[in-house]
Amino acid sequence: MVKWLLFSISVHPEISSYLNISKKAKDDSNQFFGNLTTRLLTEDCLQQAKVALKEDGNMAIESAFTLVGETAMEELMTNQHVAVSLNTFKRYLDKKKLEALSE
């Protein structure tokens, strides 16, 4: 899911020029995620999916995909290497200016 999420957001204009993900890699990732989603909805969680669709209609599926996206993003953000990378900007903070905030 993490790879699928990264590949999906890689087309955003602010970052697309920095990422060189091949069309085949994107297609493979989309195929994997499509197959995974199909299996989850039609095999692994078939009864739950039927109940959810009956009770909430398409909103049930939309909510499930929101949760999947949040889970993938959480997996990205809680990775130790990502956490270190996210905090690297702190070396460029102007500590004197920031300390002045509490004066």
PDB file of N, CA and C in Angstrom:
ATOM      1  N   MET A   1       0.826  -1.200   0.000  1.00  0.00           N
ATOM      2  CA  MET A   1       0.000   0.000   0.000  1.00  0.00           C
ATOM      3  C   MET A   1       0.864   1.255   0.000  1.00  0.00           C
ATOM      4  N   VAL A   2       1.982   1.210   0.708  1.00  0.00           N
ATOM      5  CA  VAL A   2       2.852   2.379   0.784  1.00  0.00           C
ATOM      6  C   VAL A   2       3.396   2.726  -0.595  1.00  0.00           C
ATOM      7  N   LYS A   3       3.842   1.710  -1.324  1.00  0.00           N
ATOM      8  CA  LYS A   3       4.373   1.958  -2.665  1.00  0.00           C
ATOM      9  C   LYS A   3       3.276   2.504  -3.576  1.00  0.00           C
ATOM     10  N   TRP A   4       2.091   1.909  -3.495  1.00  0.00           N
ATOM     11  CA  TRP A   4       0.969   2.385  -4.315  1.00  0.00           C
ATOM     12  C   TRP A   4       0.654   3.847  -4.004  1.00  0.00           C
ATOM     13  N   LEU A   5       0.654   4.207  -2.721  1.00  0.00           N
ATOM     14  CA  LEU A   5       0.371   5.581  -2.330  1.00  0.00           C
ATOM     15  C   LEU A   5       1.431   6.529  -2.888  1.00  0.00           C
ATOM     16  N   LEU A   6       2.700   6.177  -2.718  1.00  0.00           N
ATOM     17  CA  LEU A   6       3.778   7.026  -3.234  1.00  0.00           C
ATOM     18  C   LEU A   6       3.669   7.188  -4.743  1.00  0.00           C
ATOM     19  N   PHE A   7       3.466   6.078  -5.448  1.00  0.00           N
ATOM     20  CA  PHE A   7       3.357   6.150  -6.898  1.00  0.00           C
ATOM     21  C   PHE A   7       2.160   7.003  -7.310  1.00  0.00           C
ATOM     22  N   SER A   8       1.075   6.903  -6.573  1.00  0.00           N
ATOM     23  CA  SER A   8      -0.132   7.667  -6.904  1.00  0.00           C
ATOM     24  C   SER A   8       0.077   9.164  -6.710  1.00  0.00           C
ATOM     25  N   ILE A   9       0.739   9.536  -5.637  1.00  0.00           N
ATOM     26  CA  ILE A   9       0.933  10.973  -5.397  1.00  0.00           C
ATOM     27  C   ILE A   9       2.115  11.542  -6.179  1.00  0.00           C
ATOM     28  N   SER A  10       2.891  10.665  -6.809  1.00  0.00           N
ATOM     29  CA  SER A  10       4.065  11.128  -7.553  1.00  0.00           C
ATOM     30  C   SER A  10       3.706  11.992  -8.758  1.00  0.00           C
ATOM     31  N   VAL A  11       2.453  11.995  -9.159  1.00  0.00           N
ATOM     32  CA  VAL A  11       2.047  12.811 -10.308  1.00  0.00           C
ATOM     33  C   VAL A  11       1.708  14.243  -9.906  1.00  0.00           C
ATOM     34  N   HIS A  12       1.738  14.538  -8.617  1.00  0.00           N
ATOM     35  CA  HIS A  12       1.440  15.901  -8.167  1.00  0.00           C
ATOM     36  C   HIS A  12       2.466  16.858  -8.775  1.00  0.00           C
ATOM     37  N   PRO A  13       2.006  17.976  -9.337  1.00  0.00           N
ATOM     38  CA  PRO A  13       2.914  18.900 -10.029  1.00  0.00           C
ATOM     39  C   PRO A  13       4.075  19.418  -9.173  1.00  0.00           C
ATOM     40  N   GLU A  14       3.893  19.500  -7.879  1.00  0.00           N
ATOM     41  CA  GLU A  14       4.964  20.011  -7.023  1.00  0.00           C
ATOM     42  C   GLU A  14       6.123  19.028  -6.871  1.00  0.00           C
ATOM     43  N   ILE A  15       5.885  17.735  -7.111  1.00  0.00           N
ATOM     44  CA  ILE A  15       6.940  16.753  -6.906  1.00  0.00           C
ATOM     45  C   ILE A  15       7.244  15.878  -8.118  1.00  0.00           C
ATOM     46  N   SER A  16       6.400  15.921  -9.121  1.00  0.00           N
ATOM     47  CA  SER A  16       6.550  14.986 -10.239  1.00  0.00           C
ATOM     48  C   SER A  16       7.904  15.095 -10.936  1.00  0.00           C
ATOM     49  N   SER A  17       8.476  16.278 -10.998  1.00  0.00           N
ATOM     50  CA  SER A  17       9.764  16.431 -11.690  1.00  0.00           C
ATOM     51  C   SER A  17      10.927  15.835 -10.896  1.00  0.00           C
ATOM     52  N   TYR A  18      10.714  15.528  -9.626  1.00  0.00           N
ATOM     53  CA  TYR A  18      11.765  14.951  -8.791  1.00  0.00           C
ATOM     54  C   TYR A  18      11.735  13.430  -8.753  1.00  0.00           C
ATOM     55  N   LEU A  19      10.654  12.856  -9.237  1.00  0.00           N
ATOM     56  CA  LEU A  19      10.481  11.405  -9.165  1.00  0.00           C
ATOM     57  C   LEU A  19      10.449  10.822 -10.566  1.00  0.00           C
ATOM     58  N   ASN A  20      11.171   9.761 -10.741  1.00  0.00           N
ATOM     59  CA  ASN A  20      11.218   9.110 -12.041  1.00  0.00           C
ATOM     60  C   ASN A  20      10.712   7.679 -11.880  1.00  0.00           C
ATOM     61  N   ILE A  21       9.403   7.547 -11.800  1.00  0.00           N
ATOM     62  CA  ILE A  21       8.785   6.238 -11.623  1.00  0.00           C
ATOM     63  C   ILE A  21       8.244   5.801 -12.982  1.00  0.00           C
ATOM     64  N   SER A  22       8.678   4.657 -13.419  1.00  0.00           N
ATOM     65  CA  SER A  22       8.290   4.202 -14.752  1.00  0.00           C
ATOM     66  C   SER A  22       6.789   3.903 -14.824  1.00  0.00           C
ATOM     67  N   LYS A  23       6.279   3.990 -16.040  1.00  0.00           N
ATOM     68  CA  LYS A  23       4.870   3.663 -16.263  1.00  0.00           C
ATOM     69  C   LYS A  23       4.617   2.211 -15.870  1.00  0.00           C
ATOM     70  N   LYS A  24       5.558   1.323 -16.166  1.00  0.00           N
ATOM     71  CA  LYS A  24       5.398  -0.088 -15.820  1.00  0.00           C
ATOM     72  C   LYS A  24       5.328  -0.267 -14.311  1.00  0.00           C
ATOM     73  N   ALA A  25       6.177   0.426 -13.569  1.00  0.00           N
ATOM     74  CA  ALA A  25       6.153   0.309 -12.105  1.00  0.00           C
ATOM     75  C   ALA A  25       4.813   0.807 -11.560  1.00  0.00           C
ATOM     76  N   LYS A  26       4.308   1.903 -12.116  1.00  0.00           N
ATOM     77  CA  LYS A  26       3.004   2.416 -11.689  1.00  0.00           C
ATOM     78  C   LYS A  26       1.899   1.429 -12.035  1.00  0.00           C
ATOM     79  N   ASP A  27       1.946   0.894 -13.259  1.00  0.00           N
ATOM     80  CA  ASP A  27       0.943  -0.090 -13.672  1.00  0.00           C
ATOM     81  C   ASP A  27       0.988  -1.333 -12.789  1.00  0.00           C
ATOM     82  N   ASP A  28       2.199  -1.816 -12.501  1.00  0.00           N
ATOM     83  CA  ASP A  28       2.339  -2.996 -11.639  1.00  0.00           C
ATOM     84  C   ASP A  28       1.772  -2.721 -10.249  1.00  0.00           C
ATOM     85  N   SER A  29       2.051  -1.541  -9.725  1.00  0.00           N
ATOM     86  CA  SER A  29       1.547  -1.177  -8.407  1.00  0.00           C
ATOM     87  C   SER A  29       0.028  -1.070  -8.407  1.00  0.00           C
ATOM     88  N   ASN A  30      -0.528  -0.453  -9.440  1.00  0.00           N
ATOM     89  CA  ASN A  30      -1.985  -0.344  -9.552  1.00  0.00           C
ATOM     90  C   ASN A  30      -2.634  -1.717  -9.711  1.00  0.00           C
ATOM     91  N   GLN A  31      -1.984  -2.596 -10.471  1.00  0.00           N
ATOM     92  CA  GLN A  31      -2.513  -3.947 -10.634  1.00  0.00           C
ATOM     93  C   GLN A  31      -2.505  -4.685  -9.300  1.00  0.00           C
ATOM     94  N   PHE A  32      -1.397  -4.585  -8.571  1.00  0.00           N
ATOM     95  CA  PHE A  32      -1.311  -5.232  -7.258  1.00  0.00           C
ATOM     96  C   PHE A  32      -2.399  -4.710  -6.328  1.00  0.00           C
ATOM     97  N   PHE A  33      -2.554  -3.385  -6.278  1.00  0.00           N
ATOM     98  CA  PHE A  33      -3.531  -2.799  -5.373  1.00  0.00           C
ATOM     99  C   PHE A  33      -4.961  -3.122  -5.803  1.00  0.00           C
ATOM    100  N   GLY A  34      -5.208  -3.141  -7.114  1.00  0.00           N
ATOM    101  CA  GLY A  34      -6.532  -3.525  -7.613  1.00  0.00           C
ATOM    102  C   GLY A  34      -6.870  -4.965  -7.262  1.00  0.00           C
ATOM    103  N   ASN A  35      -5.897  -5.848  -7.447  1.00  0.00           N
ATOM    104  CA  ASN A  35      -6.111  -7.255  -7.101  1.00  0.00           C
ATOM    105  C   ASN A  35      -6.313  -7.433  -5.599  1.00  0.00           C
ATOM    106  N   LEU A  36      -5.529  -6.715  -4.805  1.00  0.00           N
ATOM    107  CA  LEU A  36      -5.662  -6.781  -3.347  1.00  0.00           C
ATOM    108  C   LEU A  36      -7.048  -6.307  -2.915  1.00  0.00           C
ATOM    109  N   THR A  37      -7.479  -5.181  -3.464  1.00  0.00           N
ATOM    110  CA  THR A  37      -8.784  -4.630  -3.120  1.00  0.00           C
ATOM    111  C   THR A  37      -9.907  -5.595  -3.499  1.00  0.00           C
ATOM    112  N   THR A  38      -9.806  -6.148  -4.700  1.00  0.00           N
ATOM    113  CA  THR A  38     -10.812  -7.112  -5.152  1.00  0.00           C
ATOM    114  C   THR A  38     -10.867  -8.310  -4.217  1.00  0.00           C
ATOM    115  N   ARG A  39      -9.697  -8.847  -3.870  1.00  0.00           N
ATOM    116  CA  ARG A  39      -9.660 -10.018  -2.988  1.00  0.00           C
ATOM    117  C   ARG A  39     -10.246  -9.696  -1.624  1.00  0.00           C
ATOM    118  N   LEU A  40      -9.884  -8.538  -1.075  1.00  0.00           N
ATOM    119  CA  LEU A  40     -10.396  -8.167   0.244  1.00  0.00           C
ATOM    120  C   LEU A  40     -11.913  -8.035   0.244  1.00  0.00           C
ATOM    121  N   LEU A  41     -12.458  -7.384  -0.785  1.00  0.00           N
ATOM    122  CA  LEU A  41     -13.899  -7.141  -0.836  1.00  0.00           C
ATOM    123  C   LEU A  41     -14.707  -8.373  -1.226  1.00  0.00           C
ATOM    124  N   THR A  42     -14.136  -9.232  -2.057  1.00  0.00           N
ATOM    125  CA  THR A  42     -14.927 -10.348  -2.586  1.00  0.00           C
ATOM    126  C   THR A  42     -14.583 -11.703  -1.976  1.00  0.00           C
ATOM    127  N   GLU A  43     -13.511 -11.772  -1.204  1.00  0.00           N
ATOM    128  CA  GLU A  43     -13.135 -13.045  -0.590  1.00  0.00           C
ATOM    129  C   GLU A  43     -12.922 -12.893   0.919  1.00  0.00           C
ATOM    130  N   ASP A  44     -11.866 -12.188   1.297  1.00  0.00           N
ATOM    131  CA  ASP A  44     -11.475 -12.109   2.713  1.00  0.00           C
ATOM    132  C   ASP A  44     -12.540 -11.454   3.589  1.00  0.00           C
ATOM    133  N   CYS A  45     -13.169 -10.425   3.071  1.00  0.00           N
ATOM    134  CA  CYS A  45     -14.145  -9.662   3.866  1.00  0.00           C
ATOM    135  C   CYS A  45     -15.496  -9.601   3.171  1.00  0.00           C
ATOM    136  N   LEU A  46     -15.847 -10.652   2.478  1.00  0.00           N
ATOM    137  CA  LEU A  46     -17.063 -10.663   1.666  1.00  0.00           C
ATOM    138  C   LEU A  46     -18.312 -10.341   2.483  1.00  0.00           C
ATOM    139  N   GLN A  47     -18.519 -11.025   3.584  1.00  0.00           N
ATOM    140  CA  GLN A  47     -19.730 -10.792   4.374  1.00  0.00           C
ATOM    141  C   GLN A  47     -19.773  -9.379   4.940  1.00  0.00           C
ATOM    142  N   GLN A  48     -18.630  -8.911   5.428  1.00  0.00           N
ATOM    143  CA  GLN A  48     -18.578  -7.554   5.972  1.00  0.00           C
ATOM    144  C   GLN A  48     -18.847  -6.513   4.881  1.00  0.00           C
ATOM    145  N   ALA A  49     -18.305  -6.757   3.690  1.00  0.00           N
ATOM    146  CA  ALA A  49     -18.518  -5.823   2.582  1.00  0.00           C
ATOM    147  C   ALA A  49     -19.982  -5.777   2.179  1.00  0.00           C
ATOM    148  N   LYS A  50     -20.626  -6.929   2.142  1.00  0.00           N
ATOM    149  CA  LYS A  50     -22.047  -6.983   1.785  1.00  0.00           C
ATOM    150  C   LYS A  50     -22.891  -6.218   2.800  1.00  0.00           C
ATOM    151  N   VAL A  51     -22.617  -6.439   4.081  1.00  0.00           N
ATOM    152  CA  VAL A  51     -23.369  -5.744   5.133  1.00  0.00           C
ATOM    153  C   VAL A  51     -23.134  -4.240   5.039  1.00  0.00           C
ATOM    154  N   ALA A  52     -21.875  -3.846   4.875  1.00  0.00           N
ATOM    155  CA  ALA A  52     -21.551  -2.422   4.797  1.00  0.00           C
ATOM    156  C   ALA A  52     -22.233  -1.762   3.607  1.00  0.00           C
ATOM    157  N   LEU A  53     -22.204  -2.423   2.455  1.00  0.00           N
ATOM    158  CA  LEU A  53     -22.864  -1.878   1.264  1.00  0.00           C
ATOM    159  C   LEU A  53     -24.371  -1.782   1.457  1.00  0.00           C
ATOM    160  N   LYS A  54     -24.936  -2.776   2.093  1.00  0.00           N
ATOM    161  CA  LYS A  54     -26.382  -2.766   2.331  1.00  0.00           C
ATOM    162  C   LYS A  54     -26.763  -1.618   3.266  1.00  0.00           C
ATOM    163  N   GLU A  55     -25.975  -1.410   4.304  1.00  0.00           N
ATOM    164  CA  GLU A  55     -26.294  -0.390   5.300  1.00  0.00           C
ATOM    165  C   GLU A  55     -25.929   1.023   4.859  1.00  0.00           C
ATOM    166  N   ASP A  56     -24.773   1.181   4.208  1.00  0.00           N
ATOM    167  CA  ASP A  56     -24.271   2.518   3.895  1.00  0.00           C
ATOM    168  C   ASP A  56     -24.049   2.796   2.415  1.00  0.00           C
ATOM    169  N   GLY A  57     -24.326   1.833   1.571  1.00  0.00           N
ATOM    170  CA  GLY A  57     -24.141   2.035   0.133  1.00  0.00           C
ATOM    171  C   GLY A  57     -22.683   2.282  -0.220  1.00  0.00           C
ATOM    172  N   ASN A  58     -22.480   3.063  -1.263  1.00  0.00           N
ATOM    173  CA  ASN A  58     -21.126   3.323  -1.746  1.00  0.00           C
ATOM    174  C   ASN A  58     -20.267   4.081  -0.741  1.00  0.00           C
ATOM    175  N   MET A  59     -20.906   4.770   0.199  1.00  0.00           N
ATOM    176  CA  MET A  59     -20.136   5.478   1.227  1.00  0.00           C
ATOM    177  C   MET A  59     -19.291   4.500   2.047  1.00  0.00           C
ATOM    178  N   ALA A  60     -19.762   3.270   2.185  1.00  0.00           N
ATOM    179  CA  ALA A  60     -18.998   2.263   2.923  1.00  0.00           C
ATOM    180  C   ALA A  60     -17.667   2.000   2.235  1.00  0.00           C
ATOM    181  N   ILE A  61     -17.691   1.882   0.922  1.00  0.00           N
ATOM    182  CA  ILE A  61     -16.467   1.633   0.155  1.00  0.00           C
ATOM    183  C   ILE A  61     -15.570   2.864   0.200  1.00  0.00           C
ATOM    184  N   GLU A  62     -16.147   4.042   0.038  1.00  0.00           N
ATOM    185  CA  GLU A  62     -15.362   5.275   0.102  1.00  0.00           C
ATOM    186  C   GLU A  62     -14.683   5.422   1.460  1.00  0.00           C
ATOM    187  N   SER A  63     -15.415   5.120   2.515  1.00  0.00           N
ATOM    188  CA  SER A  63     -14.842   5.189   3.863  1.00  0.00           C
ATOM    189  C   SER A  63     -13.717   4.184   4.030  1.00  0.00           C
ATOM    190  N   ALA A  64     -13.899   3.008   3.478  1.00  0.00           N
ATOM    191  CA  ALA A  64     -12.858   1.980   3.558  1.00  0.00           C
ATOM    192  C   ALA A  64     -11.598   2.441   2.838  1.00  0.00           C
ATOM    193  N   PHE A  65     -11.749   3.061   1.666  1.00  0.00           N
ATOM    194  CA  PHE A  65     -10.583   3.549   0.938  1.00  0.00           C
ATOM    195  C   PHE A  65      -9.912   4.708   1.664  1.00  0.00           C
ATOM    196  N   THR A  66     -10.686   5.527   2.333  1.00  0.00           N
ATOM    197  CA  THR A  66     -10.106   6.593   3.152  1.00  0.00           C
ATOM    198  C   THR A  66      -9.239   5.977   4.243  1.00  0.00           C
ATOM    199  N   LEU A  67      -9.749   4.956   4.882  1.00  0.00           N
ATOM    200  CA  LEU A  67      -8.997   4.267   5.932  1.00  0.00           C
ATOM    201  C   LEU A  67      -7.730   3.622   5.376  1.00  0.00           C
ATOM    202  N   VAL A  68      -7.825   3.028   4.196  1.00  0.00           N
ATOM    203  CA  VAL A  68      -6.653   2.419   3.565  1.00  0.00           C
ATOM    204  C   VAL A  68      -5.583   3.485   3.311  1.00  0.00           C
ATOM    205  N   GLY A  69      -6.002   4.631   2.780  1.00  0.00           N
ATOM    206  CA  GLY A  69      -5.057   5.722   2.533  1.00  0.00           C
ATOM    207  C   GLY A  69      -4.431   6.228   3.815  1.00  0.00           C
ATOM    208  N   GLU A  70      -5.236   6.372   4.849  1.00  0.00           N
ATOM    209  CA  GLU A  70      -4.711   6.831   6.139  1.00  0.00           C
ATOM    210  C   GLU A  70      -3.724   5.816   6.715  1.00  0.00           C
ATOM    211  N   THR A  71      -4.030   4.541   6.557  1.00  0.00           N
ATOM    212  CA  THR A  71      -3.145   3.493   7.060  1.00  0.00           C
ATOM    213  C   THR A  71      -1.813   3.505   6.314  1.00  0.00           C
ATOM    214  N   ALA A  72      -1.863   3.657   5.006  1.00  0.00           N
ATOM    215  CA  ALA A  72      -0.629   3.718   4.222  1.00  0.00           C
ATOM    216  C   ALA A  72       0.191   4.937   4.601  1.00  0.00           C
ATOM    217  N   MET A  73      -0.480   6.076   4.786  1.00  0.00           N
ATOM    218  CA  MET A  73       0.233   7.290   5.172  1.00  0.00           C
ATOM    219  C   MET A  73       0.835   7.145   6.566  1.00  0.00           C
ATOM    220  N   GLU A  74       0.100   6.515   7.463  1.00  0.00           N
ATOM    221  CA  GLU A  74       0.616   6.280   8.816  1.00  0.00           C
ATOM    222  C   GLU A  74       1.848   5.383   8.765  1.00  0.00           C
ATOM    223  N   GLU A  75       1.803   4.371   7.921  1.00  0.00           N
ATOM    224  CA  GLU A  75       2.958   3.480   7.780  1.00  0.00           C
ATOM    225  C   GLU A  75       4.171   4.256   7.281  1.00  0.00           C
ATOM    226  N   LEU A  76       3.948   5.155   6.343  1.00  0.00           N
ATOM    227  CA  LEU A  76       5.037   6.000   5.853  1.00  0.00           C
ATOM    228  C   LEU A  76       5.593   6.889   6.962  1.00  0.00           C
ATOM    229  N   MET A  77       4.707   7.556   7.659  1.00  0.00           N
ATOM    230  CA  MET A  77       5.124   8.577   8.620  1.00  0.00           C
ATOM    231  C   MET A  77       5.721   8.000   9.902  1.00  0.00           C
ATOM    232  N   THR A  78       5.407   6.763  10.234  1.00  0.00           N
ATOM    233  CA  THR A  78       5.921   6.195  11.470  1.00  0.00           C
ATOM    234  C   THR A  78       7.196   5.381  11.254  1.00  0.00           C
ATOM    235  N   ASN A  79       7.636   5.273  10.032  1.00  0.00           N
ATOM    236  CA  ASN A  79       8.886   4.585   9.748  1.00  0.00           C
ATOM    237  C   ASN A  79      10.044   5.386  10.345  1.00  0.00           C
ATOM    238  N   GLN A  80      10.958   4.710  11.007  1.00  0.00           N
ATOM    239  CA  GLN A  80      12.070   5.373  11.695  1.00  0.00           C
ATOM    240  C   GLN A  80      12.907   6.217  10.738  1.00  0.00           C
ATOM    241  N   HIS A  81      13.189   5.712   9.561  1.00  0.00           N
ATOM    242  CA  HIS A  81      14.005   6.451   8.598  1.00  0.00           C
ATOM    243  C   HIS A  81      13.285   7.705   8.100  1.00  0.00           C
ATOM    244  N   VAL A  82      11.988   7.576   7.891  1.00  0.00           N
ATOM    245  CA  VAL A  82      11.192   8.729   7.453  1.00  0.00           C
ATOM    246  C   VAL A  82      11.153   9.777   8.566  1.00  0.00           C
ATOM    247  N   ALA A  83      10.979   9.330   9.805  1.00  0.00           N
ATOM    248  CA  ALA A  83      10.940  10.262  10.937  1.00  0.00           C
ATOM    249  C   ALA A  83      12.234  11.066  11.020  1.00  0.00           C
ATOM    250  N   VAL A  84      13.360  10.406  10.844  1.00  0.00           N
ATOM    251  CA  VAL A  84      14.651  11.107  10.869  1.00  0.00           C
ATOM    252  C   VAL A  84      14.704  12.114   9.724  1.00  0.00           C
ATOM    253  N   SER A  85      14.300  11.682   8.545  1.00  0.00           N
ATOM    254  CA  SER A  85      14.325  12.572   7.384  1.00  0.00           C
ATOM    255  C   SER A  85      13.411  13.776   7.569  1.00  0.00           C
ATOM    256  N   LEU A  86      12.222  13.542   8.137  1.00  0.00           N
ATOM    257  CA  LEU A  86      11.279  14.640   8.353  1.00  0.00           C
ATOM    258  C   LEU A  86      11.817  15.677   9.334  1.00  0.00           C
ATOM    259  N   ASN A  87      12.662  15.253  10.235  1.00  0.00           N
ATOM    260  CA  ASN A  87      13.188  16.175  11.245  1.00  0.00           C
ATOM    261  C   ASN A  87      14.493  16.852  10.840  1.00  0.00           C
ATOM    262  N   THR A  88      15.009  16.519   9.680  1.00  0.00           N
ATOM    263  CA  THR A  88      16.272  17.084   9.223  1.00  0.00           C
ATOM    264  C   THR A  88      16.199  18.601   9.033  1.00  0.00           C
ATOM    265  N   PHE A  89      15.017  19.110   8.693  1.00  0.00           N
ATOM    266  CA  PHE A  89      14.874  20.550   8.470  1.00  0.00           C
ATOM    267  C   PHE A  89      15.208  21.362   9.711  1.00  0.00           C
ATOM    268  N   LYS A  90      15.117  20.741  10.879  1.00  0.00           N
ATOM    269  CA  LYS A  90      15.309  21.471  12.130  1.00  0.00           C
ATOM    270  C   LYS A  90      16.689  22.100  12.248  1.00  0.00           C
ATOM    271  N   ARG A  91      17.663  21.540  11.549  1.00  0.00           N
ATOM    272  CA  ARG A  91      19.003  22.127  11.617  1.00  0.00           C
ATOM    273  C   ARG A  91      19.049  23.506  10.965  1.00  0.00           C
ATOM    274  N   TYR A  92      18.036  23.833  10.190  1.00  0.00           N
ATOM    275  CA  TYR A  92      17.984  25.127   9.514  1.00  0.00           C
ATOM    276  C   TYR A  92      17.070  26.129  10.207  1.00  0.00           C
ATOM    277  N   LEU A  93      16.500  25.756  11.314  1.00  0.00           N
ATOM    278  CA  LEU A  93      15.659  26.689  12.059  1.00  0.00           C
ATOM    279  C   LEU A  93      16.516  27.778  12.692  1.00  0.00           C
ATOM    280  N   ASP A  94      15.992  28.977  12.729  1.00  0.00           N
ATOM    281  CA  ASP A  94      16.679  30.089  13.396  1.00  0.00           C
ATOM    282  C   ASP A  94      16.224  30.071  14.854  1.00  0.00           C
ATOM    283  N   LYS A  95      17.039  29.480  15.699  1.00  0.00           N
ATOM    284  CA  LYS A  95      16.666  29.278  17.096  1.00  0.00           C
ATOM    285  C   LYS A  95      16.465  30.597  17.839  1.00  0.00           C
ATOM    286  N   LYS A  96      17.258  31.607  17.510  1.00  0.00           N
ATOM    287  CA  LYS A  96      17.107  32.900  18.189  1.00  0.00           C
ATOM    288  C   LYS A  96      15.747  33.512  17.881  1.00  0.00           C
ATOM    289  N   LYS A  97      15.336  33.458  16.644  1.00  0.00           N
ATOM    290  CA  LYS A  97      14.035  34.008  16.265  1.00  0.00           C
ATOM    291  C   LYS A  97      12.904  33.203  16.903  1.00  0.00           C
ATOM    292  N   LEU A  98      13.065  31.911  16.965  1.00  0.00           N
ATOM    293  CA  LEU A  98      12.039  31.072  17.567  1.00  0.00           C
ATOM    294  C   LEU A  98      11.971  31.276  19.079  1.00  0.00           C
ATOM    295  N   GLU A  99      13.107  31.470  19.722  1.00  0.00           N
ATOM    296  CA  GLU A  99      13.131  31.740  21.166  1.00  0.00           C
ATOM    297  C   GLU A  99      12.441  33.061  21.483  1.00  0.00           C
ATOM    298  N   ALA A 100      12.533  34.017  20.567  1.00  0.00           N
ATOM    299  CA  ALA A 100      11.899  35.315  20.766  1.00  0.00           C
ATOM    300  C   ALA A 100      10.375  35.213  20.824  1.00  0.00           C
ATOM    301  N   LEU A 101       9.831  34.137  20.320  1.00  0.00           N
ATOM    302  CA  LEU A 101       8.382  33.937  20.351  1.00  0.00           C
ATOM    303  C   LEU A 101       7.864  33.848  21.794  1.00  0.00           C
ATOM    304  N   SER A 102       8.683  33.324  22.683  1.00  0.00           N
ATOM    305  CA  SER A 102       8.224  33.111  24.056  1.00  0.00           C
ATOM    306  C   SER A 102       8.629  34.244  25.005  1.00  0.00           C
ATOM    307  N   GLU A 103       9.145  35.312  24.478  1.00  0.00           N
ATOM    308  CA  GLU A 103       9.542  36.454  25.321  1.00  0.00           C
ATOM    309  C   GLU A 103       8.364  37.356  25.605  1.00  0.00           C
TER     310      GLU A 103
END
